[in-house]
Amino acid sequence: MVTVVEVLSLVLVSLLWGCTNPFLKKGSEGIENVTESNRVSQLFVEIKFLLLNMKYLVPFLLNQSGSLVYFYTLSTTGRKHTS
């Protein structure tokens, strides 16, 4: 049987994932204007653009925290119900 805490954890996950997606899209605006001469340099410049952009970084970290809650909830739920 699923507990209230597990349900609330999954609701939190859905909120973190769903609410951050529009902000991630908005925060990544302008990345298409970042250009470099070769693929490796292009990759590093794009990563730098995103990591130094707080409008992208904060929603990204919140989104990833949703992933942590999700995997923690899955691991604890599976452990209890397999016994």
C-alpha atoms as a PDB file:
ATOM      1  CA  MET A   1       0.000   0.000   0.000  1.00  0.00           C
ATOM      2  CA  VAL A   2       1.236   3.454  -0.874  1.00  0.00           C
ATOM      3  CA  THR A   3       1.647   5.885   2.011  1.00  0.00           C
ATOM      4  CA  VAL A   4       0.621   9.529   2.135  1.00  0.00           C
ATOM      5  CA  VAL A   5       4.293  10.567   2.260  1.00  0.00           C
ATOM      6  CA  GLU A   6       5.009   8.685  -0.965  1.00  0.00           C
ATOM      7  CA  VAL A   7       2.062  10.314  -2.714  1.00  0.00           C
ATOM      8  CA  LEU A   8       3.094  13.762  -1.472  1.00  0.00           C
ATOM      9  CA  SER A   9       6.655  13.082  -2.618  1.00  0.00           C
ATOM     10  CA  LEU A  10       5.439  12.273  -6.121  1.00  0.00           C
ATOM     11  CA  VAL A  11       3.231  15.387  -6.125  1.00  0.00           C
ATOM     12  CA  LEU A  12       6.308  17.420  -5.158  1.00  0.00           C
ATOM     13  CA  VAL A  13       8.219  15.802  -8.026  1.00  0.00           C
ATOM     14  CA  SER A  14       5.491  16.662 -10.512  1.00  0.00           C
ATOM     15  CA  LEU A  15       5.430  20.267  -9.283  1.00  0.00           C
ATOM     16  CA  LEU A  16       9.212  20.617  -9.489  1.00  0.00           C
ATOM     17  CA  TRP A  17       9.366  19.102 -12.962  1.00  0.00           C
ATOM     18  CA  GLY A  18       6.286  20.808 -14.363  1.00  0.00           C
ATOM     19  CA  CYS A  19       6.861  24.271 -12.939  1.00  0.00           C
ATOM     20  CA  THR A  20      10.517  24.499 -13.903  1.00  0.00           C
ATOM     21  CA  ASN A  21      10.167  23.536 -17.576  1.00  0.00           C
ATOM     22  CA  PRO A  22       8.896  26.941 -18.787  1.00  0.00           C
ATOM     23  CA  PHE A  23      11.646  28.683 -16.810  1.00  0.00           C
ATOM     24  CA  LEU A  24      14.295  26.405 -18.304  1.00  0.00           C
ATOM     25  CA  LYS A  25      13.063  27.269 -21.772  1.00  0.00           C
ATOM     26  CA  LYS A  26      13.031  30.994 -20.982  1.00  0.00           C
ATOM     27  CA  GLY A  27      16.452  30.853 -19.304  1.00  0.00           C
ATOM     28  CA  SER A  28      18.066  29.139 -22.258  1.00  0.00           C
ATOM     29  CA  GLU A  29      16.978  31.847 -24.693  1.00  0.00           C
ATOM     30  CA  GLY A  30      19.972  33.283 -26.471  1.00  0.00           C
ATOM     31  CA  ILE A  31      22.020  30.088 -26.545  1.00  0.00           C
ATOM     32  CA  GLU A  32      21.421  29.873 -30.293  1.00  0.00           C
ATOM     33  CA  ASN A  33      23.440  33.097 -30.644  1.00  0.00           C
ATOM     34  CA  VAL A  34      26.506  31.539 -28.991  1.00  0.00           C
ATOM     35  CA  THR A  35      28.867  30.375 -31.722  1.00  0.00           C
ATOM     36  CA  GLU A  36      32.397  29.024 -31.920  1.00  0.00           C
ATOM     37  CA  SER A  37      34.584  27.736 -34.702  1.00  0.00           C
ATOM     38  CA  ASN A  38      34.578  24.021 -33.829  1.00  0.00           C
ATOM     39  CA  ARG A  39      32.265  21.559 -32.085  1.00  0.00           C
ATOM     40  CA  VAL A  40      34.310  21.117 -28.910  1.00  0.00           C
ATOM     41  CA  SER A  41      34.651  24.857 -28.381  1.00  0.00           C
ATOM     42  CA  GLN A  42      30.943  25.266 -29.162  1.00  0.00           C
ATOM     43  CA  LEU A  43      30.040  22.727 -26.479  1.00  0.00           C
ATOM     44  CA  PHE A  44      32.173  24.433 -23.830  1.00  0.00           C
ATOM     45  CA  VAL A  45      30.854  27.900 -24.674  1.00  0.00           C
ATOM     46  CA  GLU A  46      27.252  26.664 -24.476  1.00  0.00           C
ATOM     47  CA  ILE A  47      27.894  24.984 -21.114  1.00  0.00           C
ATOM     48  CA  LYS A  48      29.518  28.173 -19.840  1.00  0.00           C
ATOM     49  CA  PHE A  49      26.542  30.206 -21.093  1.00  0.00           C
ATOM     50  CA  LEU A  50      24.102  27.991 -19.196  1.00  0.00           C
ATOM     51  CA  LEU A  51      26.123  27.675 -15.982  1.00  0.00           C
ATOM     52  CA  LEU A  52      26.637  31.429 -15.684  1.00  0.00           C
ATOM     53  CA  ASN A  53      23.017  32.216 -16.496  1.00  0.00           C
ATOM     54  CA  MET A  54      21.059  32.372 -13.215  1.00  0.00           C
ATOM     55  CA  LYS A  55      17.744  32.447 -15.114  1.00  0.00           C
ATOM     56  CA  TYR A  56      18.618  28.958 -16.328  1.00  0.00           C
ATOM     57  CA  LEU A  57      20.682  27.618 -13.429  1.00  0.00           C
ATOM     58  CA  VAL A  58      18.111  28.065 -10.634  1.00  0.00           C
ATOM     59  CA  PRO A  59      15.263  26.268 -12.456  1.00  0.00           C
ATOM     60  CA  PHE A  60      17.734  23.592 -13.572  1.00  0.00           C
ATOM     61  CA  LEU A  61      18.795  22.894  -9.986  1.00  0.00           C
ATOM     62  CA  LEU A  62      15.169  22.809  -8.826  1.00  0.00           C
ATOM     63  CA  ASN A  63      14.351  20.431 -11.679  1.00  0.00           C
ATOM     64  CA  GLN A  64      17.232  18.162 -10.699  1.00  0.00           C
ATOM     65  CA  SER A  65      16.116  18.200  -7.064  1.00  0.00           C
ATOM     66  CA  GLY A  66      12.813  16.820  -8.346  1.00  0.00           C
ATOM     67  CA  SER A  67      14.771  13.969  -9.903  1.00  0.00           C
ATOM     68  CA  LEU A  68      16.472  13.266  -6.569  1.00  0.00           C
ATOM     69  CA  VAL A  69      13.123  13.163  -4.759  1.00  0.00           C
ATOM     70  CA  TYR A  70      11.723  10.895  -7.489  1.00  0.00           C
ATOM     71  CA  PHE A  71      14.554   8.363  -7.298  1.00  0.00           C
ATOM     72  CA  TYR A  72      14.552   8.432  -3.493  1.00  0.00           C
ATOM     73  CA  THR A  73      10.793   7.793  -3.473  1.00  0.00           C
ATOM     74  CA  LEU A  74      11.176   4.930  -5.948  1.00  0.00           C
ATOM     75  CA  SER A  75      13.953   3.332  -3.929  1.00  0.00           C
ATOM     76  CA  THR A  76      12.108   3.543  -0.612  1.00  0.00           C
ATOM     77  CA  THR A  77       8.782   2.417  -2.069  1.00  0.00           C
ATOM     78  CA  GLY A  78      10.298  -0.615  -3.786  1.00  0.00           C
ATOM     79  CA  ARG A  79      12.167  -1.680  -0.664  1.00  0.00           C
ATOM     80  CA  LYS A  80       9.067  -1.648   1.548  1.00  0.00           C
ATOM     81  CA  HIS A  81       6.793  -3.542  -0.815  1.00  0.00           C
ATOM     82  CA  THR A  82       9.157  -6.350  -1.790  1.00  0.00           C
ATOM     83  CA  SER A  83       9.284  -7.844   1.714  1.00  0.00           C
END
